[in-house]
N, C-alpha and C. Protein backbone atom coordinates (compact mmCIF):
# COMPACT_ATOMS: atom_id res chain seq x y z
N MET A 1 6.28 -33.93 18.11
CA MET A 1 5.06 -33.27 18.12
C MET A 1 4.62 -32.90 19.46
N ILE A 2 4.29 -31.54 19.65
CA ILE A 2 3.60 -31.05 20.85
C ILE A 2 2.22 -30.58 20.57
N ARG A 3 1.18 -31.08 21.35
CA ARG A 3 -0.11 -30.77 21.29
C ARG A 3 -0.79 -30.90 22.65
N GLU A 4 -1.97 -30.38 22.77
CA GLU A 4 -2.81 -30.43 24.09
C GLU A 4 -3.34 -31.98 24.00
N VAL A 5 -3.29 -32.37 25.24
CA VAL A 5 -3.76 -33.85 25.57
C VAL A 5 -5.24 -33.86 25.74
N LYS A 6 -5.98 -34.77 24.98
CA LYS A 6 -7.24 -34.89 25.19
C LYS A 6 -7.54 -35.80 26.59
N ARG A 7 -8.62 -35.68 27.19
CA ARG A 7 -8.99 -36.47 28.28
C ARG A 7 -8.80 -38.09 28.30
N GLU A 8 -9.36 -38.37 26.93
CA GLU A 8 -9.30 -40.01 26.89
C GLU A 8 -7.74 -40.28 26.52
N GLU A 9 -6.93 -39.39 26.32
CA GLU A 9 -5.47 -39.88 26.17
C GLU A 9 -4.78 -39.95 27.51
N ILE A 10 -5.39 -39.47 28.62
CA ILE A 10 -4.59 -39.41 29.93
C ILE A 10 -4.09 -40.73 30.36
N PRO A 11 -4.68 -41.98 30.07
CA PRO A 11 -4.07 -43.12 30.42
C PRO A 11 -2.75 -43.37 29.83
N ASP A 12 -2.76 -42.94 28.30
CA ASP A 12 -1.45 -43.14 27.54
C ASP A 12 -0.31 -42.21 28.14
N CYS A 13 -0.71 -41.16 28.65
CA CYS A 13 0.17 -40.10 29.38
C CYS A 13 0.68 -40.77 30.58
N VAL A 14 -0.11 -41.21 31.37
CA VAL A 14 0.42 -41.86 32.63
C VAL A 14 1.21 -42.91 32.27
N SER A 15 0.97 -43.83 31.43
CA SER A 15 1.99 -44.87 30.97
C SER A 15 3.27 -44.38 30.58
N LEU A 16 3.28 -43.42 29.71
CA LEU A 16 4.47 -42.78 29.25
C LEU A 16 5.34 -42.17 30.23
N ILE A 17 4.68 -41.51 31.13
CA ILE A 17 5.43 -40.95 32.46
C ILE A 17 6.02 -41.96 33.13
N LYS A 18 5.28 -42.91 33.58
CA LYS A 18 5.73 -44.10 34.39
C LYS A 18 6.86 -44.87 33.76
N LYS A 19 6.70 -45.07 32.42
CA LYS A 19 7.87 -45.81 31.74
C LYS A 19 9.20 -45.03 31.62
N ALA A 20 8.96 -43.76 31.35
CA ALA A 20 10.02 -42.83 31.30
C ALA A 20 10.96 -42.79 32.71
N PHE A 21 10.13 -42.61 33.69
CA PHE A 21 10.73 -42.40 35.00
C PHE A 21 11.16 -43.80 35.58
N LEU A 22 10.74 -44.96 35.14
CA LEU A 22 11.19 -46.26 35.53
C LEU A 22 12.73 -46.49 35.25
N THR A 23 13.09 -46.00 34.06
CA THR A 23 14.56 -46.18 33.70
C THR A 23 15.29 -45.44 34.61
N VAL A 24 14.93 -44.15 35.04
CA VAL A 24 15.87 -43.71 36.14
C VAL A 24 15.84 -44.50 37.45
N ALA A 25 14.63 -44.86 37.64
CA ALA A 25 14.33 -45.63 39.10
C ALA A 25 15.49 -46.89 38.79
N ASP A 26 15.37 -47.54 37.79
CA ASP A 26 16.39 -48.77 37.70
C ASP A 26 17.70 -48.43 37.71
N GLU A 27 18.05 -47.36 37.17
CA GLU A 27 19.45 -46.91 37.11
C GLU A 27 19.86 -46.58 38.51
N PHE A 28 19.17 -45.92 39.29
CA PHE A 28 19.39 -45.55 40.79
C PHE A 28 19.14 -46.50 41.75
N GLY A 29 18.44 -47.60 41.34
CA GLY A 29 17.92 -48.53 42.57
C GLY A 29 16.84 -48.07 43.27
N PHE A 30 15.93 -47.24 42.84
CA PHE A 30 14.70 -46.73 43.39
C PHE A 30 13.77 -47.96 43.35
N THR A 31 12.87 -48.11 44.33
CA THR A 31 11.95 -49.21 44.45
C THR A 31 10.62 -48.53 44.85
N GLU A 32 9.48 -48.99 44.61
CA GLU A 32 8.16 -48.58 45.35
C GLU A 32 8.40 -48.42 46.85
N GLU A 33 9.15 -49.57 47.38
CA GLU A 33 9.37 -49.51 48.69
C GLU A 33 10.29 -48.41 49.43
N ASN A 34 11.30 -48.24 48.76
CA ASN A 34 12.27 -47.16 49.19
C ASN A 34 12.09 -45.64 48.74
N ALA A 35 11.39 -45.56 47.76
CA ALA A 35 11.09 -44.29 47.16
C ALA A 35 9.53 -44.14 46.62
N PRO A 36 8.50 -44.25 47.42
CA PRO A 36 7.23 -44.40 46.98
C PRO A 36 6.68 -43.16 46.35
N ARG A 37 7.24 -42.10 46.70
CA ARG A 37 6.78 -40.79 46.16
C ARG A 37 7.44 -40.46 44.80
N PHE A 38 8.60 -41.21 44.43
CA PHE A 38 9.19 -41.04 43.08
C PHE A 38 8.22 -41.06 41.93
N THR A 39 8.29 -40.25 41.05
CA THR A 39 7.38 -40.07 39.70
C THR A 39 6.88 -41.60 39.22
N ALA A 40 7.81 -42.37 39.13
CA ALA A 40 7.53 -43.50 38.30
C ALA A 40 6.36 -44.41 39.08
N PHE A 41 6.53 -44.13 40.64
CA PHE A 41 5.64 -44.96 41.30
C PHE A 41 4.38 -44.08 41.95
N ALA A 42 4.50 -42.82 41.81
CA ALA A 42 3.52 -42.09 42.38
C ALA A 42 2.53 -41.51 41.27
N THR A 43 2.79 -41.72 40.10
CA THR A 43 2.02 -41.29 38.87
C THR A 43 0.81 -42.17 38.66
N ASN A 44 -0.26 -41.87 38.84
CA ASN A 44 -1.42 -42.66 38.35
C ASN A 44 -2.61 -41.90 37.75
N MET A 45 -3.61 -42.44 37.36
CA MET A 45 -4.72 -41.63 36.79
C MET A 45 -5.33 -40.58 37.67
N GLU A 46 -5.55 -40.96 38.96
CA GLU A 46 -6.08 -40.03 39.88
C GLU A 46 -5.17 -38.81 40.37
N SER A 47 -3.97 -39.16 40.53
CA SER A 47 -3.18 -37.98 40.83
C SER A 47 -2.88 -37.27 39.57
N PHE A 48 -2.88 -37.73 38.43
CA PHE A 48 -2.67 -36.80 37.02
C PHE A 48 -3.95 -35.88 36.92
N LEU A 49 -5.07 -36.59 37.11
CA LEU A 49 -6.35 -35.71 36.96
C LEU A 49 -6.59 -34.68 38.08
N GLU A 50 -6.29 -35.11 39.34
CA GLU A 50 -6.16 -34.07 40.26
C GLU A 50 -5.35 -32.91 39.95
N GLN A 51 -3.99 -33.32 39.66
CA GLN A 51 -3.16 -32.11 39.33
C GLN A 51 -3.40 -31.38 38.28
N SER A 52 -4.07 -31.99 37.22
CA SER A 52 -4.44 -31.08 35.97
C SER A 52 -5.75 -30.38 36.30
N SER A 53 -6.64 -30.73 37.21
CA SER A 53 -7.72 -29.87 37.60
C SER A 53 -7.41 -28.76 38.48
N LEU A 54 -6.08 -28.56 39.02
CA LEU A 54 -5.73 -27.61 39.88
C LEU A 54 -5.30 -26.45 38.90
N LEU A 55 -4.95 -26.78 37.73
CA LEU A 55 -4.50 -25.66 36.72
C LEU A 55 -5.57 -24.70 36.45
N PRO A 56 -5.23 -23.35 36.41
CA PRO A 56 -6.27 -22.42 35.85
C PRO A 56 -6.78 -22.88 34.54
N SER A 57 -8.18 -22.48 34.21
CA SER A 57 -8.63 -22.97 33.00
C SER A 57 -7.84 -22.38 31.80
N SER A 58 -7.04 -21.34 31.91
CA SER A 58 -6.39 -20.89 30.59
C SER A 58 -5.19 -21.76 30.29
N TYR A 59 -4.93 -22.84 31.27
CA TYR A 59 -3.78 -23.76 30.99
C TYR A 59 -4.26 -25.02 30.30
N SER A 60 -3.21 -25.66 29.63
CA SER A 60 -3.61 -26.99 29.03
C SER A 60 -2.47 -27.94 29.41
N VAL A 61 -2.86 -29.25 29.55
CA VAL A 61 -1.85 -30.25 29.91
C VAL A 61 -1.38 -30.59 28.50
N VAL A 62 0.01 -30.29 28.30
CA VAL A 62 0.64 -30.53 27.02
C VAL A 62 1.80 -31.48 27.19
N LEU A 63 1.70 -32.66 26.42
CA LEU A 63 3.02 -33.65 26.52
C LEU A 63 3.35 -33.75 24.99
N TRP A 64 4.61 -34.12 24.88
CA TRP A 64 5.23 -34.27 23.73
C TRP A 64 5.33 -35.97 23.44
N PHE A 65 4.73 -36.41 22.49
CA PHE A 65 4.85 -37.72 22.10
C PHE A 65 5.65 -37.98 20.86
N PRO A 66 6.69 -38.74 21.07
CA PRO A 66 7.55 -39.08 19.89
C PRO A 66 6.65 -39.83 18.85
N SER A 67 6.99 -39.59 17.60
CA SER A 67 6.09 -40.26 16.57
C SER A 67 6.13 -41.75 16.75
N SER A 68 7.25 -42.26 17.26
CA SER A 68 7.56 -43.82 17.32
C SER A 68 6.86 -44.29 18.54
N TYR A 69 6.26 -43.58 19.47
CA TYR A 69 5.57 -44.12 20.59
C TYR A 69 4.29 -44.84 20.52
N ARG A 70 4.21 -45.91 21.04
CA ARG A 70 2.95 -46.74 20.94
C ARG A 70 2.75 -47.26 22.37
N THR A 71 1.37 -47.12 22.80
CA THR A 71 1.01 -47.45 24.20
C THR A 71 1.29 -48.90 24.34
N ALA A 72 1.47 -49.71 23.57
CA ALA A 72 1.66 -51.24 23.58
C ALA A 72 3.23 -51.51 24.03
N ASN A 73 4.07 -50.50 23.92
CA ASN A 73 5.48 -50.82 24.28
C ASN A 73 5.42 -51.20 25.72
């Protein structure tokens, strides 16, 4: 499913992005110490909100959430 993300869902989005990129970090041996700007470590609420606020008002933040995704994972 693809749809516009609501502001109250941003913490879930940040969690999903971090979790997805952590698999890559683990595979390649990236850590917060040796790759602090890697997406898994650099994504947080503040950066996500800042980046989305830079988009023109005609744009929306859209993420795909698999139907099986649960934030408690």
